[in-house]
Amino acid sequence: MLEPAMFLGLGVVAVWAYVNYPRQRPRSLILAAVHVVVSFAAFALLPVLLSFVLPVLPTRASQPYVVLLLLTPALTYLLLSWVWLIGRILQELFRGPRGGHPVGTEH
């Protein structure tokens, strides 16, 4: 039950950040794709980071809190980067025609 609730909650946070912080959105499709790659890399490196951090903790009871503390921003960034990419693709698709020959009004 925790996993779907966490995905749904962090997905809502990602969409909220997309709507409320439009100046933070990537300016190009390439930059949006780079954010997706970086977010996947950060998420993939999270177990490596945890393998170094968890053994150093003073008590085992604090381990779930540290995992959630590191997992929450990484997963939120991962979801936000996909929202940025999808938003950028939709903006590119529905922006309208660019360039080409001007159309005259006379026939």
Protein backbone atom coordinates (compact mmCIF):
# COMPACT_ATOMS: atom_id res chain seq x y z
CA MET A 1 0.00 0.00 0.00
CA LEU A 2 2.91 2.37 0.65
CA GLU A 3 4.36 2.12 -2.86
CA PRO A 4 1.25 3.20 -4.85
CA ALA A 5 0.50 5.91 -2.31
CA MET A 6 4.06 7.19 -2.53
CA PHE A 7 4.02 7.21 -6.35
CA LEU A 8 0.67 8.97 -6.40
CA GLY A 9 1.67 11.54 -3.78
CA LEU A 10 5.03 12.33 -5.34
CA GLY A 11 3.41 12.45 -8.78
CA VAL A 12 1.01 15.08 -7.47
CA VAL A 13 3.97 17.00 -6.04
CA ALA A 14 5.74 16.80 -9.42
CA VAL A 15 2.70 18.12 -11.29
CA TRP A 16 2.25 20.83 -8.65
CA ALA A 17 5.89 21.91 -9.10
CA TYR A 18 5.42 21.91 -12.90
CA VAL A 19 2.37 24.17 -12.65
CA ASN A 20 3.62 26.51 -9.93
CA TYR A 21 7.22 26.96 -11.09
CA PRO A 22 7.08 27.53 -14.86
CA ARG A 23 10.44 29.35 -14.88
CA GLN A 24 12.16 26.14 -13.74
CA ARG A 25 11.00 24.17 -16.78
CA PRO A 26 13.63 23.20 -19.35
CA ARG A 27 13.75 25.58 -22.32
CA SER A 28 14.39 22.91 -24.94
CA LEU A 29 13.49 19.33 -25.69
CA ILE A 30 17.14 18.30 -25.43
CA LEU A 31 17.47 19.82 -21.97
CA ALA A 32 14.28 18.07 -20.84
CA ALA A 33 15.71 14.76 -22.07
CA VAL A 34 18.96 15.47 -20.22
CA HIS A 35 16.96 15.97 -17.02
CA VAL A 36 15.33 12.56 -17.54
CA VAL A 37 18.74 10.90 -18.01
CA VAL A 38 20.20 12.64 -14.94
CA SER A 39 17.17 11.71 -12.83
CA PHE A 40 17.46 8.05 -13.88
CA ALA A 41 21.18 8.09 -13.07
CA ALA A 42 20.53 9.62 -9.64
CA PHE A 43 17.79 7.09 -8.96
CA ALA A 44 20.02 4.22 -10.12
CA LEU A 45 22.88 5.38 -7.89
CA LEU A 46 20.65 5.62 -4.84
CA PRO A 47 21.26 1.98 -3.74
CA VAL A 48 25.02 2.57 -3.96
CA LEU A 49 24.70 5.67 -1.78
CA LEU A 50 22.53 3.77 0.68
CA SER A 51 25.08 0.95 0.88
CA PHE A 52 27.59 3.47 2.20
CA VAL A 53 25.23 5.47 4.42
CA LEU A 54 23.18 2.75 6.14
CA PRO A 55 26.05 0.86 7.81
CA VAL A 56 27.34 4.10 9.34
CA LEU A 57 24.08 4.95 11.09
CA PRO A 58 24.14 4.60 14.88
CA THR A 59 20.88 2.62 15.14
CA ARG A 60 19.00 0.29 12.82
CA ALA A 61 15.75 2.02 13.75
CA SER A 62 16.82 5.14 11.85
CA GLN A 63 17.49 3.27 8.58
CA PRO A 64 13.93 3.46 7.16
CA TYR A 65 13.86 7.19 7.80
CA VAL A 66 17.15 7.73 6.00
CA VAL A 67 15.97 5.60 3.07
CA LEU A 68 12.79 7.67 2.79
CA LEU A 69 14.76 10.89 3.24
CA LEU A 70 16.95 10.04 0.23
CA LEU A 71 14.29 8.25 -1.83
CA THR A 72 11.68 11.02 -1.71
CA PRO A 73 13.65 13.77 -3.52
CA ALA A 74 15.18 11.31 -6.00
CA LEU A 75 11.80 9.87 -6.96
CA THR A 76 10.18 13.31 -7.07
CA TYR A 77 12.90 14.55 -9.44
CA LEU A 78 12.46 11.45 -11.58
CA LEU A 79 8.71 12.03 -11.90
CA LEU A 80 9.16 15.79 -12.40
CA SER A 81 11.68 15.25 -15.18
CA TRP A 82 9.13 13.09 -17.02
CA VAL A 83 6.44 15.73 -16.52
CA TRP A 84 8.88 18.30 -17.94
CA LEU A 85 9.64 16.08 -20.93
CA ILE A 86 6.00 15.32 -21.69
CA GLY A 87 5.08 18.99 -21.28
CA ARG A 88 7.89 20.03 -23.61
CA ILE A 89 6.87 17.45 -26.24
CA LEU A 90 3.25 18.62 -26.10
CA GLN A 91 4.34 22.24 -26.36
CA GLU A 92 6.46 21.44 -29.43
CA LEU A 93 3.62 19.49 -31.05
CA PHE A 94 0.84 22.01 -30.50
CA ARG A 95 2.76 25.26 -30.87
CA GLY A 96 1.64 25.69 -34.46
CA PRO A 97 3.53 26.06 -37.71
CA ARG A 98 7.01 27.52 -37.67
CA GLY A 99 8.77 28.92 -40.69
CA GLY A 100 7.78 28.08 -44.22
CA HIS A 101 6.48 30.43 -46.85
CA PRO A 102 4.13 33.25 -45.87
CA VAL A 103 0.60 32.86 -47.12
CA GLY A 104 -0.79 35.83 -49.00
CA THR A 105 -4.32 37.11 -48.58
CA GLU A 106 -4.97 37.61 -52.30
CA HIS A 107 -5.70 34.82 -54.72
